[in-house]
Amino acid sequence: MVNNIEKYIVITGASSGIGHETAKAFAGRGCNLILVARRRDRLEVLKQDILSYYPTLNIIIKATDLSISDNVFRLYKEIKKYPVQTWINNAGFGNYDTISRQNLNKIRQMLHLNVEALTILSSLFVRDFKDVEGTQLINVSSAGGYMIVPTAITYCATKFYVSAFTEGLAWELKENGCKMKAKVLAPAATKTEFGNVANNVIEYDYDKAFETYHTSSQVAGFLLKLYDSDKTVGIVNRESFMFEIKEPQFDYADNSNHNQYIE
């Protein structure tokens, strides 16, 4: 359990969907929050909603666009002064289209947010907090970060990166005896604004698009189960749609004779 007097949970992409529900879930555990997203008005509404139930919590909001590199470094500089216990990189978006037709301006922004911002924030957090007892880094990937989905190939590639990066970081932290734990959450279809953004539409019907899906609240519950566990990967099985908590899924070379030799 987090010491709610001293520690903070950072959640990016907190203005809607999984991030929004995760903020409420951690507030229910008595955690102070630093909420990050582009839309300040939505963050303000979320803050007031949480405080109406938990008035003793400290809720800090940071409105910024993390697809802009300078904003990423600026955000971290503003946050590092706080005693952060857990950092959740949830901000990201998807794209449904064939590679030959995809809008490259949108793809460039997606790469900046899904890959670059996550890598920078993860690296800075690890650098400063890796030896602080009880710290966790949770990066939100996707079931599409372990399986290639038709018409979402570039999006899946960004999430393969998130999964591989986070699993590799988890191994690195363990091998170096660090106190921080790195974990990856990989949900499947979830009813959020994801479908609207990925398909470039205003209205999106999840009931027509998917045979089954989870709600944002359900996925926030999955994230807390992963948070409470000692394992690295929390993933939704795309066939059964059951949530499973597992050890890392990618092969790790470890002590291979074919690794680069370092004195």
C-alpha atoms as a PDB file:
ATOM      1  CA  MET A   1       0.000   0.000   0.000  1.00  0.00           C
ATOM      2  CA  VAL A   2       1.230   3.478  -0.873  1.00  0.00           C
ATOM      3  CA  ASN A   3       1.836   5.938   1.954  1.00  0.00           C
ATOM      4  CA  ASN A   4      -0.742   8.490   0.820  1.00  0.00           C
ATOM      5  CA  ILE A   5       0.833  11.277   2.882  1.00  0.00           C
ATOM      6  CA  GLU A   6       4.157  11.238   1.063  1.00  0.00           C
ATOM      7  CA  LYS A   7       3.878   9.380  -2.237  1.00  0.00           C
ATOM      8  CA  TYR A   8       2.382  10.145  -5.643  1.00  0.00           C
ATOM      9  CA  ILE A   9       1.110   8.089  -8.565  1.00  0.00           C
ATOM     10  CA  VAL A  10       1.774   9.680 -11.985  1.00  0.00           C
ATOM     11  CA  ILE A  11      -0.688   8.761 -14.752  1.00  0.00           C
ATOM     12  CA  THR A  12      -0.314  10.038 -18.310  1.00  0.00           C
ATOM     13  CA  GLY A  13      -3.308  10.038 -20.633  1.00  0.00           C
ATOM     14  CA  ALA A  14      -5.520  10.595 -17.594  1.00  0.00           C
ATOM     15  CA  SER A  15      -8.263  12.706 -19.171  1.00  0.00           C
ATOM     16  CA  SER A  16     -10.279   9.751 -20.494  1.00  0.00           C
ATOM     17  CA  GLY A  17     -10.501   5.996 -20.851  1.00  0.00           C
ATOM     18  CA  ILE A  18      -8.129   3.691 -18.999  1.00  0.00           C
ATOM     19  CA  GLY A  19      -6.100   6.545 -17.492  1.00  0.00           C
ATOM     20  CA  HIS A  20      -9.224   8.259 -16.171  1.00  0.00           C
ATOM     21  CA  GLU A  21     -10.507   5.092 -14.491  1.00  0.00           C
ATOM     22  CA  THR A  22      -7.059   4.183 -13.181  1.00  0.00           C
ATOM     23  CA  ALA A  23      -6.862   7.567 -11.468  1.00  0.00           C
ATOM     24  CA  LYS A  24     -10.162   6.925  -9.708  1.00  0.00           C
ATOM     25  CA  ALA A  25      -9.069   3.404  -8.743  1.00  0.00           C
ATOM     26  CA  PHE A  26      -5.834   4.593  -7.113  1.00  0.00           C
ATOM     27  CA  ALA A  27      -7.692   7.452  -5.426  1.00  0.00           C
ATOM     28  CA  GLY A  28      -9.887   4.786  -3.866  1.00  0.00           C
ATOM     29  CA  ARG A  29      -6.718   3.377  -2.294  1.00  0.00           C
ATOM     30  CA  GLY A  30      -5.846   6.732  -0.789  1.00  0.00           C
ATOM     31  CA  CYS A  31      -3.129   7.698  -3.269  1.00  0.00           C
ATOM     32  CA  ASN A  32      -2.100  11.220  -4.166  1.00  0.00           C
ATOM     33  CA  LEU A  33      -2.089  11.702  -7.930  1.00  0.00           C
ATOM     34  CA  ILE A  34      -0.289  13.642 -10.639  1.00  0.00           C
ATOM     35  CA  LEU A  35      -2.562  13.543 -13.676  1.00  0.00           C
ATOM     36  CA  VAL A  36      -1.209  14.324 -17.140  1.00  0.00           C
ATOM     37  CA  ALA A  37      -3.070  14.863 -20.424  1.00  0.00           C
ATOM     38  CA  ARG A  38      -3.582  17.439 -23.172  1.00  0.00           C
ATOM     39  CA  ARG A  39      -7.077  18.531 -22.136  1.00  0.00           C
ATOM     40  CA  ARG A  40      -6.905  20.657 -19.005  1.00  0.00           C
ATOM     41  CA  ASP A  41     -10.677  21.027 -18.774  1.00  0.00           C
ATOM     42  CA  ARG A  42     -11.148  17.263 -18.503  1.00  0.00           C
ATOM     43  CA  LEU A  43      -8.365  16.971 -15.951  1.00  0.00           C
ATOM     44  CA  GLU A  44     -10.040  19.667 -13.849  1.00  0.00           C
ATOM     45  CA  VAL A  45     -13.350  17.792 -13.946  1.00  0.00           C
ATOM     46  CA  LEU A  46     -11.625  14.549 -12.950  1.00  0.00           C
ATOM     47  CA  LYS A  47      -9.781  16.289 -10.118  1.00  0.00           C
ATOM     48  CA  GLN A  48     -12.971  17.759  -8.687  1.00  0.00           C
ATOM     49  CA  ASP A  49     -14.780  14.440  -9.042  1.00  0.00           C
ATOM     50  CA  ILE A  50     -12.051  12.619  -7.104  1.00  0.00           C
ATOM     51  CA  LEU A  51     -11.869  15.308  -4.408  1.00  0.00           C
ATOM     52  CA  SER A  52     -15.625  15.147  -3.907  1.00  0.00           C
ATOM     53  CA  TYR A  53     -15.117  11.577  -2.665  1.00  0.00           C
ATOM     54  CA  TYR A  54     -11.600  11.846  -1.218  1.00  0.00           C
ATOM     55  CA  PRO A  55     -11.109  15.465  -0.098  1.00  0.00           C
ATOM     56  CA  THR A  56      -7.844  14.809   1.782  1.00  0.00           C
ATOM     57  CA  LEU A  57      -5.929  13.705  -1.314  1.00  0.00           C
ATOM     58  CA  ASN A  58      -3.509  15.946  -3.170  1.00  0.00           C
ATOM     59  CA  ILE A  59      -4.343  15.954  -6.887  1.00  0.00           C
ATOM     60  CA  ILE A  60      -1.934  17.752  -9.231  1.00  0.00           C
ATOM     61  CA  ILE A  61      -2.775  18.242 -12.889  1.00  0.00           C
ATOM     62  CA  LYS A  62      -0.353  18.826 -15.743  1.00  0.00           C
ATOM     63  CA  ALA A  63      -1.819  19.765 -19.114  1.00  0.00           C
ATOM     64  CA  THR A  64       0.656  19.090 -21.926  1.00  0.00           C
ATOM     65  CA  ASP A  65       0.977  17.403 -25.315  1.00  0.00           C
ATOM     66  CA  LEU A  66       3.495  14.582 -24.898  1.00  0.00           C
ATOM     67  CA  SER A  67       3.835  14.049 -28.637  1.00  0.00           C
ATOM     68  CA  ILE A  68       6.105  17.140 -28.552  1.00  0.00           C
ATOM     69  CA  SER A  69       9.566  16.150 -27.307  1.00  0.00           C
ATOM     70  CA  ASP A  70      10.342  19.380 -25.461  1.00  0.00           C
ATOM     71  CA  ASN A  71       7.131  18.994 -23.469  1.00  0.00           C
ATOM     72  CA  VAL A  72       8.196  15.531 -22.323  1.00  0.00           C
ATOM     73  CA  PHE A  73      11.441  16.768 -20.794  1.00  0.00           C
ATOM     74  CA  ARG A  74       9.711  19.808 -19.326  1.00  0.00           C
ATOM     75  CA  LEU A  75       7.024  17.664 -17.710  1.00  0.00           C
ATOM     76  CA  TYR A  76       9.522  15.356 -16.081  1.00  0.00           C
ATOM     77  CA  LYS A  77      11.542  18.276 -14.746  1.00  0.00           C
ATOM     78  CA  GLU A  78       8.376  19.628 -13.105  1.00  0.00           C
ATOM     79  CA  ILE A  79       7.439  16.272 -11.590  1.00  0.00           C
ATOM     80  CA  LYS A  80      10.788  14.884 -10.410  1.00  0.00           C
ATOM     81  CA  LYS A  81      10.718  17.067  -7.283  1.00  0.00           C
ATOM     82  CA  TYR A  82       7.772  15.043  -5.965  1.00  0.00           C
ATOM     83  CA  PRO A  83       8.253  11.702  -4.146  1.00  0.00           C
ATOM     84  CA  VAL A  84       6.836   9.555  -6.937  1.00  0.00           C
ATOM     85  CA  GLN A  85       6.048   5.951  -6.014  1.00  0.00           C
ATOM     86  CA  THR A  86       4.600   4.738  -9.325  1.00  0.00           C
ATOM     87  CA  TRP A  87       4.730   6.101 -12.871  1.00  0.00           C
ATOM     88  CA  ILE A  88       2.116   4.856 -15.342  1.00  0.00           C
ATOM     89  CA  ASN A  89       2.757   5.632 -19.005  1.00  0.00           C
ATOM     90  CA  ASN A  90      -0.732   5.260 -20.409  1.00  0.00           C
ATOM     91  CA  ALA A  91      -0.839   8.079 -22.996  1.00  0.00           C
ATOM     92  CA  GLY A  92      -1.022   6.818 -26.558  1.00  0.00           C
ATOM     93  CA  PHE A  93      -3.319   6.315 -29.526  1.00  0.00           C
ATOM     94  CA  GLY A  94      -3.821   3.930 -32.421  1.00  0.00           C
ATOM     95  CA  ASN A  95      -4.439   3.864 -36.131  1.00  0.00           C
ATOM     96  CA  TYR A  96      -6.439   1.527 -38.349  1.00  0.00           C
ATOM     97  CA  ASP A  97      -5.354   1.582 -41.986  1.00  0.00           C
ATOM     98  CA  THR A  98      -3.154  -0.240 -44.440  1.00  0.00           C
ATOM     99  CA  ILE A  99       0.477   0.833 -44.476  1.00  0.00           C
ATOM    100  CA  SER A 100       0.174   2.028 -48.065  1.00  0.00           C
ATOM    101  CA  ARG A 101      -2.671   4.378 -47.151  1.00  0.00           C
ATOM    102  CA  GLN A 102      -1.858   5.511 -43.623  1.00  0.00           C
ATOM    103  CA  ASN A 103      -1.597   9.224 -42.900  1.00  0.00           C
ATOM    104  CA  LEU A 104       2.081   9.781 -42.179  1.00  0.00           C
ATOM    105  CA  ASN A 105       1.518  12.963 -40.195  1.00  0.00           C
ATOM    106  CA  LYS A 106      -0.709  10.992 -37.842  1.00  0.00           C
ATOM    107  CA  ILE A 107       1.790   8.109 -37.791  1.00  0.00           C
ATOM    108  CA  ARG A 108       4.638  10.472 -36.925  1.00  0.00           C
ATOM    109  CA  GLN A 109       2.655  11.863 -34.000  1.00  0.00           C
ATOM    110  CA  MET A 110       1.781   8.307 -32.886  1.00  0.00           C
ATOM    111  CA  LEU A 111       5.446   7.289 -32.938  1.00  0.00           C
ATOM    112  CA  HIS A 112       6.414  10.355 -30.911  1.00  0.00           C
ATOM    113  CA  LEU A 113       3.764   9.612 -28.276  1.00  0.00           C
ATOM    114  CA  ASN A 114       3.652   5.806 -28.132  1.00  0.00           C
ATOM    115  CA  VAL A 115       7.395   5.237 -28.425  1.00  0.00           C
ATOM    116  CA  GLU A 116       9.511   8.348 -27.886  1.00  0.00           C
ATOM    117  CA  ALA A 117       7.647   9.952 -24.977  1.00  0.00           C
ATOM    118  CA  LEU A 118       7.257   6.630 -23.187  1.00  0.00           C
ATOM    119  CA  THR A 119      10.959   5.831 -23.598  1.00  0.00           C
ATOM    120  CA  ILE A 120      12.117   9.222 -22.364  1.00  0.00           C
ATOM    121  CA  LEU A 121       9.798   9.281 -19.353  1.00  0.00           C
ATOM    122  CA  SER A 122      10.632   5.683 -18.445  1.00  0.00           C
ATOM    123  CA  SER A 123      14.369   6.320 -18.725  1.00  0.00           C
ATOM    124  CA  LEU A 124      14.296   9.473 -16.632  1.00  0.00           C
ATOM    125  CA  PHE A 125      12.134   7.881 -13.957  1.00  0.00           C
ATOM    126  CA  VAL A 126      14.391   4.825 -13.770  1.00  0.00           C
ATOM    127  CA  ARG A 127      17.490   7.021 -13.585  1.00  0.00           C
ATOM    128  CA  ASP A 128      16.196   8.952 -10.575  1.00  0.00           C
ATOM    129  CA  PHE A 129      14.032   6.420  -8.710  1.00  0.00           C
ATOM    130  CA  LYS A 130      15.351   2.914  -9.481  1.00  0.00           C
ATOM    131  CA  ASP A 131      16.765   2.463  -5.984  1.00  0.00           C
ATOM    132  CA  VAL A 132      13.749   3.807  -4.102  1.00  0.00           C
ATOM    133  CA  GLU A 133      11.935   1.080  -2.196  1.00  0.00           C
ATOM    134  CA  GLY A 134       8.486   0.191  -3.560  1.00  0.00           C
ATOM    135  CA  THR A 135       8.693   2.106  -6.830  1.00  0.00           C
ATOM    136  CA  GLN A 136       7.001   0.776  -9.955  1.00  0.00           C
ATOM    137  CA  LEU A 137       6.936   1.724 -13.615  1.00  0.00           C
ATOM    138  CA  ILE A 138       3.896   0.443 -15.495  1.00  0.00           C
ATOM    139  CA  ASN A 139       3.805   0.935 -19.259  1.00  0.00           C
ATOM    140  CA  VAL A 140       0.540   0.360 -21.083  1.00  0.00           C
ATOM    141  CA  SER A 141       1.008  -1.719 -24.209  1.00  0.00           C
ATOM    142  CA  SER A 142      -1.679  -3.796 -25.914  1.00  0.00           C
ATOM    143  CA  ALA A 143      -2.530  -7.374 -26.772  1.00  0.00           C
ATOM    144  CA  GLY A 144      -1.483  -5.987 -30.169  1.00  0.00           C
ATOM    145  CA  GLY A 145       1.960  -5.616 -28.636  1.00  0.00           C
ATOM    146  CA  TYR A 146       2.255  -9.395 -28.679  1.00  0.00           C
ATOM    147  CA  MET A 147       0.285 -10.154 -31.850  1.00  0.00           C
ATOM    148  CA  ILE A 148       0.093  -8.425 -35.237  1.00  0.00           C
ATOM    149  CA  VAL A 149      -3.437  -7.258 -36.022  1.00  0.00           C
ATOM    150  CA  PRO A 150      -4.508  -6.639 -39.660  1.00  0.00           C
ATOM    151  CA  THR A 151      -4.892  -2.955 -40.609  1.00  0.00           C
ATOM    152  CA  ALA A 152      -3.220  -1.969 -37.325  1.00  0.00           C
ATOM    153  CA  ILE A 153       0.306  -3.042 -38.177  1.00  0.00           C
ATOM    154  CA  THR A 154       2.091   0.227 -37.402  1.00  0.00           C
ATOM    155  CA  TYR A 155       0.182   0.647 -34.154  1.00  0.00           C
ATOM    156  CA  CYS A 156       1.038  -2.935 -33.162  1.00  0.00           C
ATOM    157  CA  ALA A 157       4.685  -2.230 -33.967  1.00  0.00           C
ATOM    158  CA  THR A 158       4.688   0.666 -31.500  1.00  0.00           C
ATOM    159  CA  LYS A 159       3.218  -1.593 -28.856  1.00  0.00           C
ATOM    160  CA  PHE A 160       5.661  -4.414 -29.621  1.00  0.00           C
ATOM    161  CA  TYR A 161       8.281  -1.809 -28.813  1.00  0.00           C
ATOM    162  CA  VAL A 162       6.568  -0.917 -25.532  1.00  0.00           C
ATOM    163  CA  SER A 163       6.325  -4.585 -24.542  1.00  0.00           C
ATOM    164  CA  ALA A 164       9.910  -5.473 -25.495  1.00  0.00           C
ATOM    165  CA  PHE A 165      11.336  -2.294 -23.940  1.00  0.00           C
ATOM    166  CA  THR A 166       9.489  -2.796 -20.669  1.00  0.00           C
ATOM    167  CA  GLU A 167      10.209  -6.514 -20.400  1.00  0.00           C
ATOM    168  CA  GLY A 168      13.884  -5.816 -21.107  1.00  0.00           C
ATOM    169  CA  LEU A 169      13.914  -3.073 -18.502  1.00  0.00           C
ATOM    170  CA  ALA A 170      12.349  -5.451 -15.976  1.00  0.00           C
ATOM    171  CA  TRP A 171      15.209  -7.905 -16.579  1.00  0.00           C
ATOM    172  CA  GLU A 172      17.802  -5.125 -16.322  1.00  0.00           C
ATOM    173  CA  LEU A 173      16.440  -3.824 -13.035  1.00  0.00           C
ATOM    174  CA  LYS A 174      16.352  -7.326 -11.580  1.00  0.00           C
ATOM    175  CA  GLU A 175      19.887  -8.192 -12.696  1.00  0.00           C
ATOM    176  CA  ASN A 176      21.246  -4.974 -11.212  1.00  0.00           C
ATOM    177  CA  GLY A 177      19.525  -5.484  -7.877  1.00  0.00           C
ATOM    178  CA  CYS A 178      17.369  -2.370  -8.214  1.00  0.00           C
ATOM    179  CA  LYS A 179      14.354  -1.846  -5.992  1.00  0.00           C
ATOM    180  CA  MET A 180      12.081  -0.600  -8.797  1.00  0.00           C
ATOM    181  CA  LYS A 181       9.819  -3.033 -10.673  1.00  0.00           C
ATOM    182  CA  ALA A 182       8.936  -2.492 -14.348  1.00  0.00           C
ATOM    183  CA  LYS A 183       5.684  -3.981 -15.630  1.00  0.00           C
ATOM    184  CA  VAL A 184       3.682  -3.980 -18.854  1.00  0.00           C
ATOM    185  CA  LEU A 185      -0.116  -3.989 -19.161  1.00  0.00           C
ATOM    186  CA  ALA A 186      -1.498  -5.371 -22.433  1.00  0.00           C
ATOM    187  CA  PRO A 187      -5.279  -4.954 -22.734  1.00  0.00           C
ATOM    188  CA  ALA A 188      -7.300  -6.020 -25.761  1.00  0.00           C
ATOM    189  CA  ALA A 189     -10.338  -4.166 -27.164  1.00  0.00           C
ATOM    190  CA  THR A 190     -11.436  -1.613 -24.583  1.00  0.00           C
ATOM    191  CA  LYS A 191     -14.333   0.821 -24.889  1.00  0.00           C
ATOM    192  CA  THR A 192     -12.597   4.199 -24.877  1.00  0.00           C
ATOM    193  CA  GLU A 193     -11.961   7.019 -27.343  1.00  0.00           C
ATOM    194  CA  PHE A 194      -9.382   4.699 -28.953  1.00  0.00           C
ATOM    195  CA  GLY A 195     -11.815   3.514 -31.643  1.00  0.00           C
ATOM    196  CA  ASN A 196     -12.768   7.056 -32.636  1.00  0.00           C
ATOM    197  CA  VAL A 197      -9.172   8.248 -32.932  1.00  0.00           C
ATOM    198  CA  ALA A 198      -7.838   5.096 -34.597  1.00  0.00           C
ATOM    199  CA  ASN A 199     -10.563   5.208 -37.247  1.00  0.00           C
ATOM    200  CA  ASN A 200     -10.714   9.001 -37.604  1.00  0.00           C
ATOM    201  CA  VAL A 201     -14.422   9.122 -36.831  1.00  0.00           C
ATOM    202  CA  ILE A 202     -16.628  11.053 -34.419  1.00  0.00           C
ATOM    203  CA  GLU A 203     -18.999   8.177 -33.648  1.00  0.00           C
ATOM    204  CA  TYR A 204     -17.755   4.631 -33.010  1.00  0.00           C
ATOM    205  CA  ASP A 205     -19.917   1.664 -31.982  1.00  0.00           C
ATOM    206  CA  TYR A 206     -17.947  -0.952 -30.040  1.00  0.00           C
ATOM    207  CA  ASP A 207     -20.918  -3.316 -30.065  1.00  0.00           C
ATOM    208  CA  LYS A 208     -20.813  -3.429 -33.865  1.00  0.00           C
ATOM    209  CA  ALA A 209     -17.029  -3.428 -34.134  1.00  0.00           C
ATOM    210  CA  PHE A 210     -16.218  -6.190 -31.627  1.00  0.00           C
ATOM    211  CA  GLU A 211     -17.785  -9.413 -30.464  1.00  0.00           C
ATOM    212  CA  THR A 212     -16.557  -8.653 -26.974  1.00  0.00           C
ATOM    213  CA  TYR A 213     -14.588  -5.917 -25.242  1.00  0.00           C
ATOM    214  CA  HIS A 214     -13.740  -4.615 -21.783  1.00  0.00           C
ATOM    215  CA  THR A 215     -14.716  -1.329 -20.176  1.00  0.00           C
ATOM    216  CA  SER A 216     -12.103   1.180 -19.030  1.00  0.00           C
ATOM    217  CA  SER A 217     -13.054   0.423 -15.446  1.00  0.00           C
ATOM    218  CA  GLN A 218     -12.394  -3.287 -15.962  1.00  0.00           C
ATOM    219  CA  VAL A 219      -8.972  -2.586 -17.436  1.00  0.00           C
ATOM    220  CA  ALA A 220      -8.136  -0.243 -14.555  1.00  0.00           C
ATOM    221  CA  GLY A 221      -8.951  -3.186 -12.303  1.00  0.00           C
ATOM    222  CA  PHE A 222      -6.552  -5.339 -14.310  1.00  0.00           C
ATOM    223  CA  LEU A 223      -3.855  -2.703 -13.888  1.00  0.00           C
ATOM    224  CA  LEU A 224      -4.272  -2.750 -10.112  1.00  0.00           C
ATOM    225  CA  LYS A 225      -4.021  -6.547 -10.103  1.00  0.00           C
ATOM    226  CA  LEU A 226      -0.738  -6.251 -12.003  1.00  0.00           C
ATOM    227  CA  TYR A 227       0.394  -3.523  -9.612  1.00  0.00           C
ATOM    228  CA  ASP A 228      -0.244  -5.834  -6.656  1.00  0.00           C
ATOM    229  CA  SER A 229       1.538  -8.800  -8.251  1.00  0.00           C
ATOM    230  CA  ASP A 230       5.192  -9.788  -8.361  1.00  0.00           C
ATOM    231  CA  LYS A 231       5.082 -10.600 -12.084  1.00  0.00           C
ATOM    232  CA  THR A 232       5.953  -8.487 -15.093  1.00  0.00           C
ATOM    233  CA  VAL A 233       3.186  -8.876 -17.693  1.00  0.00           C
ATOM    234  CA  GLY A 234      -0.557  -8.407 -17.366  1.00  0.00           C
ATOM    235  CA  ILE A 235      -2.221  -9.396 -20.634  1.00  0.00           C
ATOM    236  CA  VAL A 236      -5.715 -10.019 -21.957  1.00  0.00           C
ATOM    237  CA  ASN A 237      -5.979 -13.268 -23.904  1.00  0.00           C
ATOM    238  CA  ARG A 238      -7.517 -12.237 -27.255  1.00  0.00           C
ATOM    239  CA  GLU A 239      -9.347 -15.570 -27.593  1.00  0.00           C
ATOM    240  CA  SER A 240     -10.797 -16.068 -24.108  1.00  0.00           C
ATOM    241  CA  PHE A 241     -10.688 -12.369 -23.151  1.00  0.00           C
ATOM    242  CA  MET A 242      -9.512 -13.419 -19.709  1.00  0.00           C
ATOM    243  CA  PHE A 243      -6.887 -11.338 -17.929  1.00  0.00           C
ATOM    244  CA  GLU A 244      -3.676 -13.220 -17.184  1.00  0.00           C
ATOM    245  CA  ILE A 245      -0.614 -12.206 -15.181  1.00  0.00           C
ATOM    246  CA  LYS A 246       2.616 -13.743 -16.467  1.00  0.00           C
ATOM    247  CA  GLU A 247       6.366 -13.684 -16.478  1.00  0.00           C
ATOM    248  CA  PRO A 248       8.072 -11.882 -19.432  1.00  0.00           C
ATOM    249  CA  GLN A 249       7.039 -13.305 -22.795  1.00  0.00           C
ATOM    250  CA  PHE A 250       9.989 -12.405 -25.026  1.00  0.00           C
ATOM    251  CA  ASP A 251      13.187 -14.444 -25.082  1.00  0.00           C
ATOM    252  CA  TYR A 252      15.995 -12.841 -23.096  1.00  0.00           C
ATOM    253  CA  ALA A 253      19.574 -13.600 -24.155  1.00  0.00           C
ATOM    254  CA  ASP A 254      20.895 -13.271 -20.596  1.00  0.00           C
ATOM    255  CA  ASN A 255      24.247 -15.099 -20.444  1.00  0.00           C
ATOM    256  CA  SER A 256      24.437 -16.099 -24.112  1.00  0.00           C
ATOM    257  CA  ASN A 257      27.934 -16.588 -25.519  1.00  0.00           C
ATOM    258  CA  HIS A 258      26.806 -14.505 -28.485  1.00  0.00           C
ATOM    259  CA  ASN A 259      26.215 -11.343 -26.447  1.00  0.00           C
ATOM    260  CA  GLN A 260      28.601  -8.392 -26.770  1.00  0.00           C
ATOM    261  CA  TYR A 261      31.512  -8.845 -24.408  1.00  0.00           C
ATOM    262  CA  ILE A 262      31.822  -6.034 -21.869  1.00  0.00           C
ATOM    263  CA  GLU A 263      34.805  -5.827 -19.531  1.00  0.00           C
END
